[in-house]
Amino acid sequence: MDDIDRKILKLLQDNARVSLKTIAENTFLSSPAVSARIEKLEKDGVIAGYHAMIDPEKLGYHIIAFINLDVVPEEKPQFYAYAESVPNVLECNCVTGAYSMLLKVAFQSTMELDVFIGQLQKFGKTSTQIVFSTHVGPRGVAV
């Protein structure tokens, strides 16, 4: 990966819908050359996908929370299958510390969150933090 690839990644990370023409103008390459580089970055797994950033609140998901969960290693496969099946789970991370999992979830009400936490407790002890505000939202990594 060279500086041009990094410039392409930065442009795509800032706006995944940026045109090939705009990328070409910013990298001093032709559009076909930019396209070939993007294809290679996708093939190599550097670009893992393209996503629209949706504001959960605009869709009625007013409760964003982080849930710590202590899952015993033997139950991880069942837990992962469960977490993948629940669309309210935005992220599920295996972490170090007092808890083994950290989940980011979105719900329309605290009552729905409460029901979900109750279901999670069959896998282990939980600790939940509800988000009041977010000053630095999801963003890409430095390239």
Foldseek 3Di string as FASTA:
>chain_A
DDPLLLLLVVVCQVPVPDDLVVSCVVSVHDSVVSVVSVVVCVVVCVDVDHDDDDDVVVVQQPWKKKKFFAADPVCVVVVVVVLVVDPQFPDWDQDDDPGGIITIGTDNDVVVVVVVVVVRCVRGDMDMDIDPDDPDDDGDDRD
